[in-house]
Amino acid sequence: MNEMKGLFDEVNASLGRFSKVFPKETGAFANFMHTVESPGELDAKQKELISVALAVVKQCKWCIALHVKNALDRGASRKE
């Protein structure tokens, strides 16, 4: 779990640095992700669980850390 927290912290730090260099692009991406992750036919938890699966397939440690945290924050259980 500490490794995941470390990765999550790295993601946040990197996104912060990136947003300073590319504020317009970062803002556009944030708006896109907000739209994608908003509840619709699938709720936010289901969408995050799908994102976890995609991150695992891509073997992106940063993505896994981010989406696991988001899924847990949206009510997913550890079993899910």
Foldseek 3Di string as FASTA:
>chain_A
DVVLVVLQVVVVVVLVVVCVVPVVVSVVVVVVVCVQQPDDVHHNLVSLVVQCVVCVVVVPSSSNSVSVVSNVVVPDDPVD
